[in-house]
Amino acid sequence: MHLIPALLIILAIIVGALVIAAIWGVGIYNSLVALRNACKNAFAQVDVQLKRRYDLIPNLVETAKGYMAHESGTLTAVVEARAKATQANVRFAGNPNDPAAMRDLSQAEAGLSGALGRLMVVSEQYPQLKADATMRTLMEELSSTENRIAFSRQAFNDAVLFYNNGREVFPQVFIANAFGFAAAEFFKIEDPVEKVAPKVAF
């Protein structure tokens, strides 16, 4: 007779422990979702600036084309690098949890920065191009955009750091692994030579 109340007490303790564990697990899950969403939001800010940069480049190339007839290879390299970066950006934006897509985007952006940098070096040889009002305006806009990209990329990397730390610490790592919270990739430029934003000021 005394056995049944004892079993009920044990059962109540077990149920209570399971409820506490479930509440704890839900809390961790929700915090991981919030951190992952913060990464997505931070990339959305990067994305806005990247698209602004992509929109400026065709105008820049068209303006330069009138003065740089003998530099078609340089201009073509910029156009091709822009196309690759745009495609990589679309792939990553479609699946922002894919580390491989982020690596592709980082490499494509490094290629675009390098191509723009080469265009700026070559354009120094064309004084009339440097004096063109449209070109100067585009260069100022591009310079401003490069600064915004650097700032928003740093904010994105900070969000990635918080998220990765949140998913890797004990005991959150168990919930993260159980529910597929994969590590996020930092947005970095792979080639050390191309880590500096292209010089766009005349």
N, C-alpha and C. Protein backbone atom coordinates (compact mmCIF):
# COMPACT_ATOMS: atom_id res chain seq x y z
N MET A 1 0.82 -1.19 0.00
CA MET A 1 0.00 0.00 0.00
C MET A 1 0.86 1.25 0.00
N HIS A 2 1.95 1.21 0.77
CA HIS A 2 2.84 2.36 0.79
C HIS A 2 3.66 2.46 -0.50
N LEU A 3 3.65 1.39 -1.28
CA LEU A 3 4.43 1.34 -2.52
C LEU A 3 3.84 2.28 -3.58
N ILE A 4 2.52 2.35 -3.68
CA ILE A 4 1.87 3.17 -4.71
C ILE A 4 2.17 4.66 -4.52
N PRO A 5 2.02 5.23 -3.31
CA PRO A 5 2.39 6.64 -3.15
C PRO A 5 3.86 6.91 -3.47
N ALA A 6 4.72 5.98 -3.10
CA ALA A 6 6.16 6.14 -3.38
C ALA A 6 6.40 6.16 -4.89
N LEU A 7 5.69 5.27 -5.62
CA LEU A 7 5.83 5.24 -7.09
C LEU A 7 5.29 6.52 -7.72
N LEU A 8 4.19 7.01 -7.15
CA LEU A 8 3.62 8.26 -7.66
C LEU A 8 4.58 9.43 -7.45
N ILE A 9 5.24 9.45 -6.30
CA ILE A 9 6.22 10.50 -6.03
C ILE A 9 7.38 10.42 -7.01
N ILE A 10 7.88 9.21 -7.22
CA ILE A 10 8.99 9.00 -8.17
C ILE A 10 8.56 9.41 -9.58
N LEU A 11 7.34 8.99 -9.94
CA LEU A 11 6.82 9.34 -11.26
C LEU A 11 6.68 10.85 -11.40
N ALA A 12 6.19 11.53 -10.36
CA ALA A 12 6.04 12.99 -10.39
C ALA A 12 7.40 13.66 -10.53
N ILE A 13 8.41 13.13 -9.83
CA ILE A 13 9.77 13.68 -9.93
C ILE A 13 10.30 13.52 -11.35
N ILE A 14 10.08 12.34 -11.93
CA ILE A 14 10.57 12.09 -13.30
C ILE A 14 9.86 13.01 -14.29
N VAL A 15 8.54 13.12 -14.16
CA VAL A 15 7.78 13.99 -15.06
C VAL A 15 8.22 15.44 -14.89
N GLY A 16 8.42 15.86 -13.64
CA GLY A 16 8.88 17.23 -13.38
C GLY A 16 10.24 17.48 -14.01
N ALA A 17 11.14 16.51 -13.88
CA ALA A 17 12.48 16.65 -14.46
C ALA A 17 12.40 16.74 -15.98
N LEU A 18 11.50 15.91 -16.58
CA LEU A 18 11.34 15.94 -18.03
C LEU A 18 10.76 17.28 -18.50
N VAL A 19 9.82 17.82 -17.73
CA VAL A 19 9.24 19.12 -18.08
C VAL A 19 10.30 20.22 -18.00
N ILE A 20 11.09 20.19 -16.94
CA ILE A 20 12.17 21.18 -16.79
C ILE A 20 13.17 21.06 -17.94
N ALA A 21 13.54 19.80 -18.27
CA ALA A 21 14.49 19.58 -19.38
C ALA A 21 13.91 20.08 -20.70
N ALA A 22 12.60 19.85 -20.92
CA ALA A 22 11.95 20.29 -22.16
C ALA A 22 11.94 21.82 -22.24
N ILE A 23 11.60 22.47 -21.11
CA ILE A 23 11.60 23.94 -21.09
C ILE A 23 13.00 24.48 -21.35
N TRP A 24 13.99 23.86 -20.74
CA TRP A 24 15.39 24.25 -20.94
C TRP A 24 15.78 24.07 -22.40
N GLY A 25 15.41 22.92 -22.99
CA GLY A 25 15.74 22.65 -24.40
C GLY A 25 15.07 23.64 -25.34
N VAL A 26 13.80 23.96 -25.06
CA VAL A 26 13.09 24.93 -25.90
C VAL A 26 13.75 26.30 -25.80
N GLY A 27 14.18 26.67 -24.60
CA GLY A 27 14.86 27.96 -24.42
C GLY A 27 16.15 28.03 -25.23
N ILE A 28 16.93 26.96 -25.19
CA ILE A 28 18.18 26.92 -25.97
C ILE A 28 17.87 26.96 -27.46
N TYR A 29 16.89 26.17 -27.89
CA TYR A 29 16.51 26.14 -29.31
C TYR A 29 16.12 27.54 -29.77
N ASN A 30 15.28 28.20 -28.99
CA ASN A 30 14.83 29.55 -29.36
C ASN A 30 15.99 30.55 -29.42
N SER A 31 16.93 30.43 -28.50
CA SER A 31 18.08 31.34 -28.53
C SER A 31 18.94 31.08 -29.76
N LEU A 32 19.08 29.81 -30.17
CA LEU A 32 19.85 29.50 -31.38
C LEU A 32 19.15 30.03 -32.63
N VAL A 33 17.82 29.92 -32.65
CA VAL A 33 17.06 30.46 -33.78
C VAL A 33 17.27 31.97 -33.87
N ALA A 34 17.22 32.65 -32.71
CA ALA A 34 17.42 34.10 -32.69
C ALA A 34 18.80 34.47 -33.19
N LEU A 35 19.83 33.72 -32.79
CA LEU A 35 21.19 34.00 -33.24
C LEU A 35 21.35 33.75 -34.74
N ARG A 36 20.72 32.66 -35.22
CA ARG A 36 20.80 32.36 -36.66
C ARG A 36 20.08 33.44 -37.47
N ASN A 37 18.93 33.89 -36.97
CA ASN A 37 18.20 34.96 -37.66
C ASN A 37 18.98 36.27 -37.65
N ALA A 38 19.73 36.51 -36.58
CA ALA A 38 20.57 37.71 -36.53
C ALA A 38 21.63 37.65 -37.63
N CYS A 39 22.16 36.46 -37.89
CA CYS A 39 23.12 36.30 -39.00
C CYS A 39 22.46 36.60 -40.34
N LYS A 40 21.25 36.08 -40.52
CA LYS A 40 20.54 36.33 -41.79
C LYS A 40 20.26 37.83 -41.96
N ASN A 41 19.85 38.47 -40.89
CA ASN A 41 19.58 39.90 -40.96
C ASN A 41 20.86 40.69 -41.26
N ALA A 42 21.96 40.29 -40.62
CA ALA A 42 23.23 40.98 -40.86
C ALA A 42 23.66 40.80 -42.31
N PHE A 43 23.43 39.61 -42.88
CA PHE A 43 23.80 39.42 -44.28
C PHE A 43 22.89 40.23 -45.19
N ALA A 44 21.64 40.40 -44.81
CA ALA A 44 20.73 41.22 -45.62
C ALA A 44 21.28 42.63 -45.78
N GLN A 45 21.94 43.14 -44.73
CA GLN A 45 22.53 44.48 -44.81
C GLN A 45 23.74 44.47 -45.77
N VAL A 46 24.52 43.39 -45.73
CA VAL A 46 25.64 43.24 -46.67
C VAL A 46 25.09 43.17 -48.09
N ASP A 47 24.04 42.39 -48.25
CA ASP A 47 23.43 42.16 -49.56
C ASP A 47 22.99 43.46 -50.21
N VAL A 48 22.40 44.35 -49.43
CA VAL A 48 21.96 45.65 -49.96
C VAL A 48 23.14 46.41 -50.55
N GLN A 49 24.27 46.41 -49.83
CA GLN A 49 25.45 47.15 -50.30
C GLN A 49 26.10 46.46 -51.50
N LEU A 50 26.13 45.12 -51.49
CA LEU A 50 26.70 44.40 -52.63
C LEU A 50 25.89 44.69 -53.89
N LYS A 51 24.57 44.70 -53.77
CA LYS A 51 23.73 44.96 -54.94
C LYS A 51 23.93 46.39 -55.43
N ARG A 52 24.11 47.30 -54.50
CA ARG A 52 24.40 48.69 -54.90
C ARG A 52 25.70 48.74 -55.69
N ARG A 53 26.69 47.99 -55.24
CA ARG A 53 27.98 47.93 -55.94
C ARG A 53 27.80 47.31 -57.33
N TYR A 54 27.04 46.19 -57.39
CA TYR A 54 26.82 45.54 -58.68
C TYR A 54 26.11 46.48 -59.66
N ASP A 55 25.20 47.31 -59.15
CA ASP A 55 24.48 48.24 -60.01
C ASP A 55 25.37 49.37 -60.53
N LEU A 56 26.37 49.75 -59.75
CA LEU A 56 27.27 50.83 -60.17
C LEU A 56 28.26 50.38 -61.26
N ILE A 57 28.65 49.13 -61.20
CA ILE A 57 29.74 48.66 -62.07
C ILE A 57 29.42 48.78 -63.56
N PRO A 58 28.23 48.39 -64.05
CA PRO A 58 27.98 48.56 -65.49
C PRO A 58 28.11 50.01 -65.96
N ASN A 59 27.63 50.96 -65.15
CA ASN A 59 27.76 52.38 -65.51
C ASN A 59 29.23 52.80 -65.54
N LEU A 60 29.98 52.29 -64.58
CA LEU A 60 31.41 52.59 -64.51
C LEU A 60 32.13 52.06 -65.75
N VAL A 61 31.82 50.83 -66.12
CA VAL A 61 32.46 50.21 -67.29
C VAL A 61 32.07 50.95 -68.57
N GLU A 62 30.78 51.28 -68.70
CA GLU A 62 30.32 51.99 -69.90
C GLU A 62 31.00 53.36 -70.03
N THR A 63 31.15 54.06 -68.91
CA THR A 63 31.81 55.36 -68.95
C THR A 63 33.29 55.20 -69.32
N ALA A 64 33.94 54.20 -68.73
CA ALA A 64 35.36 53.97 -69.01
C ALA A 64 35.59 53.51 -70.44
N LYS A 65 34.62 52.79 -70.99
CA LYS A 65 34.77 52.22 -72.33
C LYS A 65 35.04 53.30 -73.38
N GLY A 66 34.42 54.45 -73.19
CA GLY A 66 34.61 55.53 -74.15
C GLY A 66 36.03 56.07 -74.19
N TYR A 67 36.76 55.89 -73.12
CA TYR A 67 38.13 56.41 -73.03
C TYR A 67 39.19 55.31 -73.12
N MET A 68 38.80 54.10 -72.81
CA MET A 68 39.77 53.00 -72.69
C MET A 68 39.54 51.95 -73.77
N ALA A 69 39.53 52.39 -75.01
CA ALA A 69 39.26 51.47 -76.12
C ALA A 69 40.28 50.34 -76.20
N HIS A 70 41.50 50.61 -75.77
CA HIS A 70 42.56 49.60 -75.88
C HIS A 70 42.66 48.72 -74.62
N GLU A 71 41.74 48.91 -73.69
CA GLU A 71 41.78 48.14 -72.44
C GLU A 71 40.55 47.24 -72.32
N SER A 72 40.13 46.67 -73.45
CA SER A 72 38.91 45.85 -73.44
C SER A 72 39.06 44.63 -72.52
N GLY A 73 40.28 44.10 -72.42
CA GLY A 73 40.51 42.94 -71.55
C GLY A 73 40.23 43.28 -70.08
N THR A 74 40.67 44.44 -69.67
CA THR A 74 40.46 44.88 -68.29
C THR A 74 38.97 45.09 -68.03
N LEU A 75 38.29 45.74 -68.98
CA LEU A 75 36.87 46.00 -68.82
C LEU A 75 36.06 44.70 -68.82
N THR A 76 36.45 43.77 -69.71
CA THR A 76 35.77 42.47 -69.76
C THR A 76 35.97 41.71 -68.46
N ALA A 77 37.16 41.78 -67.88
CA ALA A 77 37.44 41.10 -66.61
C ALA A 77 36.53 41.62 -65.49
N VAL A 78 36.29 42.93 -65.49
CA VAL A 78 35.41 43.52 -64.47
C VAL A 78 33.98 43.01 -64.66
N VAL A 79 33.52 43.00 -65.92
CA VAL A 79 32.15 42.55 -66.21
C VAL A 79 31.98 41.08 -65.82
N GLU A 80 32.96 40.26 -66.16
CA GLU A 80 32.88 38.83 -65.83
C GLU A 80 32.94 38.60 -64.32
N ALA A 81 33.81 39.34 -63.64
CA ALA A 81 33.91 39.21 -62.18
C ALA A 81 32.61 39.63 -61.51
N ARG A 82 31.99 40.69 -62.03
CA ARG A 82 30.69 41.14 -61.49
C ARG A 82 29.65 40.05 -61.66
N ALA A 83 29.62 39.41 -62.83
CA ALA A 83 28.64 38.34 -63.10
C ALA A 83 28.83 37.18 -62.12
N LYS A 84 30.08 36.79 -61.90
CA LYS A 84 30.36 35.69 -60.96
C LYS A 84 29.94 36.06 -59.54
N ALA A 85 30.26 37.29 -59.14
CA ALA A 85 29.90 37.73 -57.79
C ALA A 85 28.39 37.80 -57.62
N THR A 86 27.70 38.28 -58.65
CA THR A 86 26.24 38.36 -58.58
C THR A 86 25.63 36.97 -58.43
N GLN A 87 26.11 36.02 -59.23
CA GLN A 87 25.60 34.65 -59.15
C GLN A 87 25.89 34.03 -57.78
N ALA A 88 27.09 34.23 -57.28
CA ALA A 88 27.45 33.68 -55.97
C ALA A 88 26.60 34.29 -54.86
N ASN A 89 26.31 35.58 -55.00
CA ASN A 89 25.48 36.27 -54.01
C ASN A 89 24.06 35.70 -54.00
N VAL A 90 23.52 35.46 -55.19
CA VAL A 90 22.18 34.88 -55.29
C VAL A 90 22.14 33.49 -54.66
N ARG A 91 23.18 32.68 -54.93
CA ARG A 91 23.24 31.33 -54.36
C ARG A 91 23.28 31.39 -52.84
N PHE A 92 24.12 32.27 -52.29
CA PHE A 92 24.22 32.34 -50.83
C PHE A 92 22.94 32.89 -50.21
N ALA A 93 22.37 33.93 -50.82
CA ALA A 93 21.14 34.51 -50.27
C ALA A 93 20.01 33.49 -50.27
N GLY A 94 20.03 32.56 -51.23
CA GLY A 94 19.02 31.50 -51.28
C GLY A 94 19.21 30.44 -50.22
N ASN A 95 20.43 30.29 -49.73
CA ASN A 95 20.71 29.30 -48.69
C ASN A 95 21.79 29.84 -47.77
N PRO A 96 21.43 30.79 -46.87
CA PRO A 96 22.45 31.45 -46.04
C PRO A 96 23.07 30.56 -44.96
N ASN A 97 22.63 29.31 -44.88
CA ASN A 97 23.24 28.39 -43.91
C ASN A 97 24.28 27.47 -44.55
N ASP A 98 24.58 27.71 -45.83
CA ASP A 98 25.51 26.85 -46.56
C ASP A 98 26.92 27.45 -46.53
N PRO A 99 27.83 26.85 -45.76
CA PRO A 99 29.20 27.38 -45.70
C PRO A 99 29.90 27.40 -47.05
N ALA A 100 29.62 26.41 -47.90
CA ALA A 100 30.26 26.37 -49.22
C ALA A 100 29.81 27.55 -50.07
N ALA A 101 28.53 27.92 -49.96
CA ALA A 101 28.03 29.07 -50.72
C ALA A 101 28.69 30.36 -50.24
N MET A 102 28.94 30.47 -48.93
CA MET A 102 29.62 31.67 -48.42
C MET A 102 31.07 31.71 -48.91
N ARG A 103 31.73 30.56 -48.93
CA ARG A 103 33.12 30.53 -49.44
C ARG A 103 33.15 30.95 -50.91
N ASP A 104 32.18 30.47 -51.69
CA ASP A 104 32.11 30.86 -53.11
C ASP A 104 31.89 32.37 -53.24
N LEU A 105 31.01 32.92 -52.40
CA LEU A 105 30.76 34.35 -52.45
C LEU A 105 32.00 35.14 -52.07
N SER A 106 32.70 34.70 -51.03
CA SER A 106 33.92 35.39 -50.61
C SER A 106 34.95 35.39 -51.73
N GLN A 107 35.11 34.25 -52.40
CA GLN A 107 36.08 34.17 -53.50
C GLN A 107 35.66 35.03 -54.68
N ALA A 108 34.36 35.02 -54.99
CA ALA A 108 33.88 35.83 -56.11
C ALA A 108 34.04 37.32 -55.81
N GLU A 109 33.77 37.71 -54.57
CA GLU A 109 33.94 39.12 -54.19
C GLU A 109 35.42 39.52 -54.22
N ALA A 110 36.29 38.59 -53.82
CA ALA A 110 37.73 38.87 -53.90
C ALA A 110 38.14 39.09 -55.35
N GLY A 111 37.60 38.26 -56.25
CA GLY A 111 37.89 38.41 -57.68
C GLY A 111 37.39 39.73 -58.22
N LEU A 112 36.19 40.14 -57.78
CA LEU A 112 35.64 41.41 -58.24
C LEU A 112 36.45 42.59 -57.71
N SER A 113 36.85 42.52 -56.45
CA SER A 113 37.68 43.60 -55.89
C SER A 113 39.00 43.70 -56.63
N GLY A 114 39.58 42.55 -56.96
CA GLY A 114 40.83 42.55 -57.72
C GLY A 114 40.66 43.15 -59.11
N ALA A 115 39.57 42.78 -59.79
CA ALA A 115 39.32 43.31 -61.14
C ALA A 115 39.08 44.82 -61.09
N LEU A 116 38.32 45.28 -60.09
CA LEU A 116 38.10 46.72 -59.95
C LEU A 116 39.40 47.45 -59.63
N GLY A 117 40.22 46.84 -58.80
CA GLY A 117 41.51 47.43 -58.47
C GLY A 117 42.38 47.60 -59.70
N ARG A 118 42.39 46.58 -60.57
CA ARG A 118 43.17 46.66 -61.82
C ARG A 118 42.62 47.74 -62.74
N LEU A 119 41.27 47.85 -62.78
CA LEU A 119 40.66 48.90 -63.59
C LEU A 119 41.09 50.29 -63.09
N MET A 120 41.14 50.46 -61.79
CA MET A 120 41.54 51.76 -61.24
C MET A 120 42.99 52.09 -61.58
N VAL A 121 43.85 51.08 -61.53
CA VAL A 121 45.26 51.29 -61.86
C VAL A 121 45.40 51.70 -63.33
N VAL A 122 44.71 50.98 -64.20
CA VAL A 122 44.79 51.28 -65.64
C VAL A 122 44.19 52.65 -65.93
N SER A 123 43.10 53.01 -65.24
CA SER A 123 42.43 54.28 -65.51
C SER A 123 43.31 55.49 -65.18
N GLU A 124 44.31 55.28 -64.34
CA GLU A 124 45.24 56.37 -64.00
C GLU A 124 45.99 56.86 -65.25
N GLN A 125 46.07 56.02 -66.28
CA GLN A 125 46.80 56.37 -67.49
C GLN A 125 45.95 57.21 -68.46
N TYR A 126 44.71 57.51 -68.06
CA TYR A 126 43.80 58.23 -68.95
C TYR A 126 43.32 59.50 -68.26
N PRO A 127 44.04 60.60 -68.44
CA PRO A 127 43.68 61.87 -67.76
C PRO A 127 42.27 62.36 -68.10
N GLN A 128 41.85 62.16 -69.36
CA GLN A 128 40.51 62.61 -69.74
C GLN A 128 39.43 61.83 -69.00
N LEU A 129 39.69 60.54 -68.81
CA LEU A 129 38.75 59.71 -68.05
C LEU A 129 38.67 60.19 -66.60
N LYS A 130 39.82 60.50 -66.02
CA LYS A 130 39.86 60.99 -64.64
C LYS A 130 39.10 62.30 -64.49
N ALA A 131 39.09 63.09 -65.57
CA ALA A 131 38.43 64.40 -65.51
C ALA A 131 36.93 64.32 -65.82
N ASP A 132 36.47 63.19 -66.32
CA ASP A 132 35.07 63.03 -66.69
C ASP A 132 34.17 63.14 -65.45
N ALA A 133 33.17 64.03 -65.50
CA ALA A 133 32.31 64.28 -64.33
C ALA A 133 31.52 63.03 -63.94
N THR A 134 31.00 62.31 -64.95
CA THR A 134 30.24 61.09 -64.65
C THR A 134 31.12 60.06 -63.96
N MET A 135 32.33 59.91 -64.48
CA MET A 135 33.26 58.94 -63.90
C MET A 135 33.61 59.31 -62.46
N ARG A 136 33.84 60.58 -62.23
CA ARG A 136 34.17 61.03 -60.87
C ARG A 136 33.02 60.75 -59.90
N THR A 137 31.80 61.00 -60.35
CA THR A 137 30.62 60.74 -59.51
C THR A 137 30.49 59.25 -59.21
N LEU A 138 30.66 58.44 -60.25
CA LEU A 138 30.58 56.98 -60.06
C LEU A 138 31.66 56.48 -59.10
N MET A 139 32.86 57.03 -59.24
CA MET A 139 33.96 56.62 -58.37
C MET A 139 33.68 56.99 -56.91
N GLU A 140 33.10 58.17 -56.71
CA GLU A 140 32.76 58.58 -55.35
C GLU A 140 31.70 57.66 -54.76
N GLU A 141 30.70 57.31 -55.58
CA GLU A 141 29.65 56.40 -55.11
C GLU A 141 30.22 55.02 -54.82
N LEU A 142 31.12 54.57 -55.68
CA LEU A 142 31.73 53.25 -55.47
C LEU A 142 32.58 53.25 -54.21
N SER A 143 33.33 54.32 -53.99
CA SER A 143 34.15 54.43 -52.78
C SER A 143 33.28 54.38 -51.52
N SER A 144 32.18 55.12 -51.54
CA SER A 144 31.25 55.12 -50.42
C SER A 144 30.65 53.73 -50.20
N THR A 145 30.32 53.07 -51.31
CA THR A 145 29.74 51.72 -51.23
C THR A 145 30.74 50.73 -50.67
N GLU A 146 32.01 50.83 -51.09
CA GLU A 146 33.05 49.92 -50.57
C GLU A 146 33.17 50.07 -49.05
N ASN A 147 33.10 51.30 -48.57
CA ASN A 147 33.17 51.52 -47.12
C ASN A 147 31.97 50.90 -46.41
N ARG A 148 30.78 51.04 -47.01
CA ARG A 148 29.58 50.45 -46.41
C ARG A 148 29.64 48.94 -46.42
N ILE A 149 30.19 48.38 -47.50
CA ILE A 149 30.34 46.92 -47.57
C ILE A 149 31.26 46.44 -46.45
N ALA A 150 32.37 47.12 -46.27
CA ALA A 150 33.32 46.73 -45.22
C ALA A 150 32.66 46.79 -43.84
N PHE A 151 31.90 47.83 -43.60
CA PHE A 151 31.23 47.99 -42.31
C PHE A 151 30.18 46.90 -42.09
N SER A 152 29.34 46.68 -43.10
CA SER A 152 28.28 45.68 -42.95
C SER A 152 28.84 44.27 -42.92
N ARG A 153 29.95 44.03 -43.62
CA ARG A 153 30.58 42.71 -43.57
C ARG A 153 31.13 42.44 -42.17
N GLN A 154 31.68 43.47 -41.52
CA GLN A 154 32.16 43.30 -40.15
C GLN A 154 31.00 42.99 -39.20
N ALA A 155 29.87 43.68 -39.40
CA ALA A 155 28.69 43.42 -38.56
C ALA A 155 28.20 41.99 -38.79
N PHE A 156 28.24 41.53 -40.03
CA PHE A 156 27.84 40.15 -40.33
C PHE A 156 28.78 39.17 -39.63
N ASN A 157 30.08 39.40 -39.74
CA ASN A 157 31.04 38.50 -39.10
C ASN A 157 30.88 38.48 -37.59
N ASP A 158 30.53 39.62 -36.99
CA ASP A 158 30.26 39.65 -35.55
C ASP A 158 29.05 38.78 -35.22
N ALA A 159 27.99 38.87 -36.05
CA ALA A 159 26.80 38.05 -35.83
C ALA A 159 27.13 36.57 -35.98
N VAL A 160 27.98 36.24 -36.95
CA VAL A 160 28.40 34.85 -37.14
C VAL A 160 29.18 34.35 -35.92
N LEU A 161 30.05 35.20 -35.39
CA LEU A 161 30.82 34.82 -34.20
C LEU A 161 29.90 34.53 -33.02
N PHE A 162 28.92 35.40 -32.77
CA PHE A 162 27.97 35.18 -31.68
C PHE A 162 27.19 33.88 -31.88
N TYR A 163 26.74 33.67 -33.12
CA TYR A 163 25.98 32.45 -33.42
C TYR A 163 26.83 31.20 -33.22
N ASN A 164 28.04 31.19 -33.79
CA ASN A 164 28.91 30.02 -33.66
C ASN A 164 29.27 29.76 -32.21
N ASN A 165 29.55 30.82 -31.46
CA ASN A 165 29.83 30.63 -30.03
C ASN A 165 28.61 30.05 -29.32
N GLY A 166 27.42 30.57 -29.66
CA GLY A 166 26.19 30.11 -29.04
C GLY A 166 25.90 28.65 -29.33
N ARG A 167 26.25 28.18 -30.52
CA ARG A 167 25.95 26.79 -30.88
C ARG A 167 27.05 25.81 -30.43
N GLU A 168 28.24 26.32 -30.11
CA GLU A 168 29.34 25.41 -29.78
C GLU A 168 29.55 25.21 -28.29
N VAL A 169 29.04 26.12 -27.45
CA VAL A 169 29.30 25.98 -26.02
C VAL A 169 28.45 24.86 -25.42
N PHE A 170 28.94 24.32 -24.32
CA PHE A 170 28.21 23.29 -23.60
C PHE A 170 27.18 23.95 -22.70
N PRO A 171 25.97 23.46 -22.63
CA PRO A 171 25.39 22.26 -23.26
C PRO A 171 24.62 22.55 -24.55
N GLN A 172 24.67 23.82 -25.06
CA GLN A 172 23.92 24.16 -26.26
C GLN A 172 24.30 23.31 -27.47
N VAL A 173 25.54 22.82 -27.48
CA VAL A 173 26.02 22.05 -28.62
C VAL A 173 25.15 20.83 -28.88
N PHE A 174 24.58 20.24 -27.82
CA PHE A 174 23.73 19.05 -28.01
C PHE A 174 22.44 19.42 -28.75
N ILE A 175 21.83 20.52 -28.36
CA ILE A 175 20.60 20.97 -29.04
C ILE A 175 20.93 21.39 -30.47
N ALA A 176 22.04 22.11 -30.65
CA ALA A 176 22.44 22.57 -31.99
C ALA A 176 22.64 21.39 -32.93
N ASN A 177 23.34 20.37 -32.47
CA ASN A 177 23.60 19.21 -33.32
C ASN A 177 22.33 18.41 -33.58
N ALA A 178 21.49 18.31 -32.55
CA ALA A 178 20.26 17.52 -32.69
C ALA A 178 19.30 18.15 -33.70
N PHE A 179 19.29 19.47 -33.78
CA PHE A 179 18.33 20.15 -34.65
C PHE A 179 18.97 20.79 -35.89
N GLY A 180 20.19 20.41 -36.19
CA GLY A 180 20.82 20.82 -37.45
C GLY A 180 21.25 22.27 -37.54
N PHE A 181 21.66 22.86 -36.42
CA PHE A 181 22.18 24.23 -36.46
C PHE A 181 23.66 24.15 -36.86
N ALA A 182 23.90 24.21 -38.16
CA ALA A 182 25.27 24.09 -38.66
C ALA A 182 26.05 25.37 -38.40
N ALA A 183 27.36 25.24 -38.31
CA ALA A 183 28.22 26.41 -38.11
C ALA A 183 28.10 27.34 -39.31
N ALA A 184 28.12 28.64 -39.05
CA ALA A 184 28.07 29.64 -40.12
C ALA A 184 29.50 29.99 -40.53
N GLU A 185 29.64 30.42 -41.77
CA GLU A 185 30.95 30.77 -42.33
C GLU A 185 31.13 32.29 -42.29
N PHE A 186 32.33 32.72 -41.92
CA PHE A 186 32.65 34.14 -41.94
C PHE A 186 32.76 34.63 -43.38
N PHE A 187 32.43 35.89 -43.59
CA PHE A 187 32.57 36.52 -44.91
C PHE A 187 33.94 37.17 -44.94
N LYS A 188 34.90 36.45 -45.51
CA LYS A 188 36.26 36.97 -45.56
C LYS A 188 36.78 36.86 -46.98
N ILE A 189 37.76 37.67 -47.28
CA ILE A 189 38.38 37.63 -48.61
C ILE A 189 39.58 36.72 -48.52
N GLU A 190 39.59 35.70 -49.37
CA GLU A 190 40.59 34.63 -49.26
C GLU A 190 41.99 35.07 -49.67
N ASP A 191 42.08 35.85 -50.76
CA ASP A 191 43.39 36.21 -51.29
C ASP A 191 43.94 37.41 -50.51
N PRO A 192 45.07 37.24 -49.79
CA PRO A 192 45.59 38.36 -48.99
C PRO A 192 45.90 39.60 -49.81
N VAL A 193 46.24 39.44 -51.08
CA VAL A 193 46.57 40.58 -51.93
C VAL A 193 45.32 41.42 -52.17
N GLU A 194 44.15 40.78 -52.12
CA GLU A 194 42.92 41.48 -52.46
C GLU A 194 42.09 41.83 -51.24
N LYS A 195 42.70 41.82 -50.06
CA LYS A 195 41.95 42.17 -48.85
C LYS A 195 41.68 43.65 -48.75
N VAL A 196 42.46 44.45 -49.43
CA VAL A 196 42.27 45.89 -49.38
C VAL A 196 41.20 46.25 -50.41
N ALA A 197 40.23 47.08 -50.01
CA ALA A 197 39.20 47.53 -50.95
C ALA A 197 39.87 48.29 -52.08
N PRO A 198 39.33 48.18 -53.30
CA PRO A 198 39.95 48.87 -54.42
C PRO A 198 40.02 50.36 -54.20
N LYS A 199 41.13 50.96 -54.61
CA LYS A 199 41.29 52.41 -54.49
C LYS A 199 40.49 53.05 -55.60
N VAL A 200 39.51 53.84 -55.22
CA VAL A 200 38.63 54.40 -56.22
C VAL A 200 38.70 55.92 -56.29
N ALA A 201 39.52 56.54 -55.48
CA ALA A 201 39.62 58.00 -55.50
C ALA A 201 40.65 58.42 -56.54
N PHE A 202 40.34 59.48 -57.28
CA PHE A 202 41.31 60.02 -58.25
C PHE A 202 42.16 61.07 -57.60
